[in-house]
Protein backbone atom coordinates (compact mmCIF):
# COMPACT_ATOMS: atom_id res chain seq x y z
CA MET A 1 73.01 97.01 76.89
CA GLN A 2 72.07 98.17 80.37
CA PHE A 3 73.07 94.79 81.79
CA ILE A 4 76.55 95.04 80.27
CA LEU A 5 77.00 98.58 81.58
CA GLU A 6 75.89 97.48 85.05
CA ILE A 7 78.46 94.68 85.06
CA ILE A 8 81.21 97.09 84.00
CA VAL A 9 80.32 99.67 86.67
CA GLU A 10 80.10 97.03 89.39
CA GLY A 11 83.51 95.71 88.36
CA ILE A 12 85.04 99.18 88.49
CA VAL A 13 83.52 99.88 91.91
CA LEU A 14 84.75 96.52 93.19
CA ILE A 15 88.29 97.02 91.96
CA LEU A 16 88.72 100.71 92.82
CA PHE A 17 86.77 101.03 96.05
CA SER A 18 85.51 97.80 97.61
CA ILE A 19 88.79 95.89 97.73
CA PRO A 20 90.83 98.74 99.32
CA GLY A 21 87.87 99.58 101.58
CA ALA A 22 87.62 95.98 102.76
CA PHE A 23 91.36 95.97 103.43
CA MET A 24 91.09 99.13 105.56
CA ARG A 25 88.12 97.70 107.47
CA TRP A 26 90.04 94.45 108.02
CA ILE A 27 93.02 96.38 109.42
CA PHE A 28 90.90 98.57 111.71
CA MET A 29 88.82 95.61 112.93
CA ARG A 30 92.12 94.14 114.11
CA ARG A 31 91.60 91.07 111.93
CA LYS A 32 88.79 89.66 114.08
CA ARG A 33 87.09 88.41 110.90
CA SER A 34 88.75 87.15 107.77
CA TYR A 35 89.40 89.52 104.90
CA LYS A 36 87.20 87.42 102.63
CA GLN A 37 84.22 87.73 105.03
CA ILE A 38 84.60 91.49 105.16
CA LEU A 39 84.96 91.72 101.37
CA LEU A 40 81.79 89.70 100.86
CA ASP A 41 79.70 91.89 103.20
CA GLU A 42 76.68 93.27 101.35
CA ASP A 43 76.25 96.42 103.44
CA GLY A 44 78.15 98.71 101.05
CA GLY A 45 80.54 99.81 103.77
CA ASN A 46 83.58 98.63 101.86
CA ALA A 47 82.89 100.92 98.91
CA GLY A 48 82.21 103.84 101.25
CA VAL A 49 85.45 103.35 103.12
CA GLY A 50 87.26 102.89 99.82
CA VAL A 51 85.91 106.19 98.49
CA VAL A 52 86.96 108.03 101.66
CA VAL A 53 90.45 106.51 101.57
CA THR A 54 90.82 107.33 97.87
CA VAL A 55 89.78 110.95 98.44
CA ILE A 56 92.18 111.32 101.38
CA VAL A 57 95.07 109.92 99.33
CA MET A 58 94.24 112.22 96.40
CA VAL A 59 94.12 115.28 98.69
CA ILE A 60 97.48 114.36 100.28
CA VAL A 61 99.05 113.88 96.84
CA ALA A 62 97.69 117.24 95.66
CA ILE A 63 98.98 119.02 98.77
CA VAL A 64 102.44 117.47 98.45
CA ALA A 65 102.59 118.26 94.72
CA ASN A 66 101.68 121.92 95.34
CA TRP A 67 104.00 122.16 98.33
CA ARG A 68 106.99 121.09 96.25
CA LYS A 69 106.24 123.79 93.65
CA VAL A 70 106.57 126.59 96.21
């Protein structure tokens, strides 16, 4: 059961955070390395960048939504 849950959580982290995080790292590294190389990095940086980008987008959406109400 724990193995199945681990696979599900890793899949969610990969889809929601690692892929967008790798894309942002690829853009900011000015495409010196291929996107696939950056995505396959095992340092966990992709997920971290993905979390930061997701939080920033959510904050901007919340601010814009509240701004329109006023």
